[in-house]
Amino acid sequence: MPALNKLYAQYRDRAAFYFVYIEEAHASDAWQVSSNLEDKVVFGTPTSLEERAGVGALCVENLKVDLPVIVDEIDNRTERAYTAWPDRMYIVDEGGTIVFKSPAGPFGFDAEPVGRALAELVGPPAEGTAEPPADTELSPAPSSPGPSAPGTATPG
């Protein structure tokens, strides 16, 4: 997350960033992994938006996410629209065209190619960019994907 937080700090004045909390990849009743057990990060699959938002809030806190955060609806409409599971990064231009789609995570979760794509789209990062704000809040995902849809960084 530190590298993605850095990109957010460098480009937030020229691109809209969203961290979308989608369906939990390693729910205890689905695909529990040993590292989650060791870290005491064990949750069942949420059955309501409120439960998902609660788990998402802990994720944001544990991963130290600085980006604005939104939560996918419980029917997973954003995840399905963007094939985002388990995690993926996108850049969508002002016209709504996907100009960058990372490989699926966690192995595809690499901020370097995102930085190159952002630099190509909106120019290089400004010198001496400020640190991102520390007041990240959770909000529900918009009802339909579009140019400023969840899971996107769009020129702003």
Protein backbone atom coordinates (compact mmCIF):
# COMPACT_ATOMS: atom_id res chain seq x y z
CA MET A 1 0.00 0.00 0.00
CA PRO A 2 2.79 2.52 0.61
CA ALA A 3 3.58 2.76 -3.12
CA LEU A 4 -0.09 3.26 -4.05
CA ASN A 5 -0.48 5.83 -1.26
CA LYS A 6 2.53 7.65 -2.73
CA LEU A 7 0.93 7.70 -6.20
CA TYR A 8 -2.22 9.10 -4.62
CA ALA A 9 -0.20 11.88 -2.98
CA GLN A 10 1.55 12.65 -6.26
CA TYR A 11 -1.49 12.63 -8.55
CA ARG A 12 -4.55 13.39 -6.40
CA ASP A 13 -4.73 16.93 -7.80
CA ARG A 14 -5.01 15.54 -11.37
CA ALA A 15 -6.75 12.19 -10.97
CA ALA A 16 -9.61 10.83 -8.87
CA PHE A 17 -8.60 7.76 -6.87
CA TYR A 18 -10.86 5.18 -5.23
CA PHE A 19 -10.02 2.12 -3.20
CA VAL A 20 -13.04 -0.15 -3.55
CA TYR A 21 -13.55 -2.73 -0.85
CA ILE A 22 -15.13 -5.70 -2.63
CA GLU A 23 -16.02 -9.24 -1.61
CA GLU A 24 -13.60 -10.56 1.01
CA ALA A 25 -11.07 -12.80 -0.74
CA HIS A 26 -10.24 -14.91 2.29
CA ALA A 27 -13.42 -15.23 4.33
CA SER A 28 -13.28 -17.93 7.02
CA ASP A 29 -16.30 -19.68 5.49
CA ALA A 30 -14.86 -19.58 1.96
CA TRP A 31 -11.09 -19.56 1.40
CA GLN A 32 -9.33 -18.98 4.73
CA VAL A 33 -5.55 -18.62 4.48
CA SER A 34 -3.05 -19.34 7.23
CA SER A 35 -1.58 -15.82 7.17
CA ASN A 36 -5.01 -14.41 8.12
CA LEU A 37 -5.16 -16.84 11.04
CA GLU A 38 -1.67 -15.80 12.17
CA ASP A 39 -2.59 -12.10 11.88
CA LYS A 40 -5.94 -12.71 13.60
CA VAL A 41 -7.79 -11.31 10.59
CA VAL A 42 -10.63 -13.81 10.45
CA PHE A 43 -14.08 -12.85 9.14
CA GLY A 44 -16.98 -14.73 7.65
CA THR A 45 -18.53 -13.60 4.38
CA PRO A 46 -20.56 -10.45 5.13
CA THR A 47 -24.29 -10.78 4.46
CA SER A 48 -25.14 -7.07 4.56
CA LEU A 49 -23.60 -3.83 3.35
CA GLU A 50 -23.13 -2.77 6.97
CA GLU A 51 -21.13 -5.93 7.76
CA ARG A 52 -19.03 -5.49 4.60
CA ALA A 53 -18.35 -1.85 5.52
CA GLY A 54 -17.21 -2.95 8.99
CA VAL A 55 -14.76 -5.50 7.59
CA GLY A 56 -13.67 -2.93 4.98
CA ALA A 57 -12.96 -0.37 7.70
CA LEU A 58 -10.63 -2.85 9.43
CA CYS A 59 -8.93 -3.60 6.10
CA VAL A 60 -8.37 0.11 5.48
CA GLU A 61 -6.93 0.53 8.97
CA ASN A 62 -4.68 -2.56 8.79
CA LEU A 63 -3.38 -1.77 5.29
CA LYS A 64 -3.00 1.96 6.08
CA VAL A 65 -4.98 3.02 3.00
CA ASP A 66 -4.81 6.79 2.34
CA LEU A 67 -7.06 6.80 -0.75
CA PRO A 68 -10.78 7.59 -0.56
CA VAL A 69 -12.54 4.28 0.11
CA ILE A 70 -15.89 3.04 -1.13
CA VAL A 71 -17.59 -0.27 -0.44
CA ASP A 72 -19.08 -2.44 -3.18
CA GLU A 73 -22.75 -3.38 -2.77
CA ILE A 74 -23.42 -6.76 -1.20
CA ASP A 75 -24.45 -8.09 -4.64
CA ASN A 76 -20.85 -7.44 -5.83
CA ARG A 77 -21.92 -5.37 -8.86
CA THR A 78 -18.68 -3.37 -9.02
CA GLU A 79 -16.51 -6.45 -8.65
CA ARG A 80 -18.42 -8.15 -11.47
CA ALA A 81 -18.33 -5.07 -13.73
CA TYR A 82 -14.55 -4.75 -13.35
CA THR A 83 -13.53 -8.40 -12.67
CA ALA A 84 -11.77 -7.01 -9.62
CA TRP A 85 -11.50 -10.12 -7.39
CA PRO A 86 -9.27 -10.61 -5.48
CA ASP A 87 -7.82 -7.17 -6.26
CA ARG A 88 -6.99 -5.20 -9.37
CA MET A 89 -6.06 -1.64 -10.34
CA TYR A 90 -7.59 0.37 -13.18
CA ILE A 91 -7.11 3.74 -14.81
CA VAL A 92 -10.10 5.14 -16.68
CA ASP A 93 -9.68 8.26 -18.83
CA GLU A 94 -12.03 11.24 -18.88
CA GLY A 95 -14.05 9.63 -21.67
CA GLY A 96 -14.71 6.51 -19.60
CA THR A 97 -12.28 4.26 -21.49
CA ILE A 98 -10.19 1.83 -19.46
CA VAL A 99 -6.60 2.74 -20.37
CA PHE A 100 -4.88 0.51 -17.79
CA LYS A 101 -5.92 -2.76 -16.14
CA SER A 102 -3.49 -4.56 -13.86
CA PRO A 103 -3.20 -8.33 -13.67
CA ALA A 104 -5.27 -9.86 -10.86
CA GLY A 105 -3.79 -9.51 -7.41
CA PRO A 106 -2.19 -10.02 -5.18
CA PHE A 107 0.68 -10.65 -7.60
CA GLY A 108 -0.67 -8.05 -10.04
CA PHE A 109 -0.87 -5.43 -7.29
CA ASP A 110 2.16 -3.44 -8.45
CA ALA A 111 1.99 0.35 -8.29
CA GLU A 112 4.91 0.95 -10.70
CA PRO A 113 2.97 0.24 -13.93
CA VAL A 114 0.10 2.35 -12.59
CA GLY A 115 2.52 5.24 -12.04
CA ARG A 116 3.84 4.94 -15.58
CA ALA A 117 0.32 4.88 -17.01
CA LEU A 118 -0.72 7.90 -14.93
CA ALA A 119 2.39 9.82 -16.03
CA GLU A 120 1.55 9.06 -19.66
CA LEU A 121 -2.07 10.13 -19.20
CA VAL A 122 -1.72 13.28 -17.06
CA GLY A 123 2.02 14.03 -16.95
CA PRO A 124 4.76 13.32 -14.43
CA PRO A 125 4.20 13.81 -10.70
CA ALA A 126 4.77 17.29 -9.31
CA GLU A 127 7.94 17.92 -7.33
CA GLY A 128 7.56 18.00 -3.54
CA THR A 129 4.06 16.51 -3.52
CA ALA A 130 2.25 16.74 -0.21
CA GLU A 131 1.44 13.70 1.90
CA PRO A 132 -2.08 12.31 1.49
CA PRO A 133 -4.74 13.28 4.04
CA ALA A 134 -5.31 10.95 6.97
CA ASP A 135 -9.11 11.22 7.04
CA THR A 136 -10.12 8.23 4.90
CA GLU A 137 -13.84 7.43 5.14
CA LEU A 138 -15.92 4.54 3.82
CA SER A 139 -18.83 5.23 1.47
CA PRO A 140 -21.10 2.99 -0.61
CA ALA A 141 -20.11 2.40 -4.22
CA PRO A 142 -22.05 4.33 -6.88
CA SER A 143 -24.80 2.26 -8.50
CA SER A 144 -23.26 2.03 -11.96
CA PRO A 145 -19.71 2.05 -13.32
CA GLY A 146 -18.65 5.03 -15.41
CA PRO A 147 -15.82 7.50 -15.88
CA SER A 148 -15.59 8.20 -12.14
CA ALA A 149 -16.71 4.72 -11.09
CA PRO A 150 -15.32 2.65 -8.22
CA GLY A 151 -11.95 1.04 -8.72
CA THR A 152 -10.73 3.76 -11.03
CA ALA A 153 -8.30 6.59 -11.10
CA THR A 154 -9.64 9.14 -13.49
CA PRO A 155 -8.12 12.45 -14.55
CA GLY A 156 -9.65 15.19 -12.47
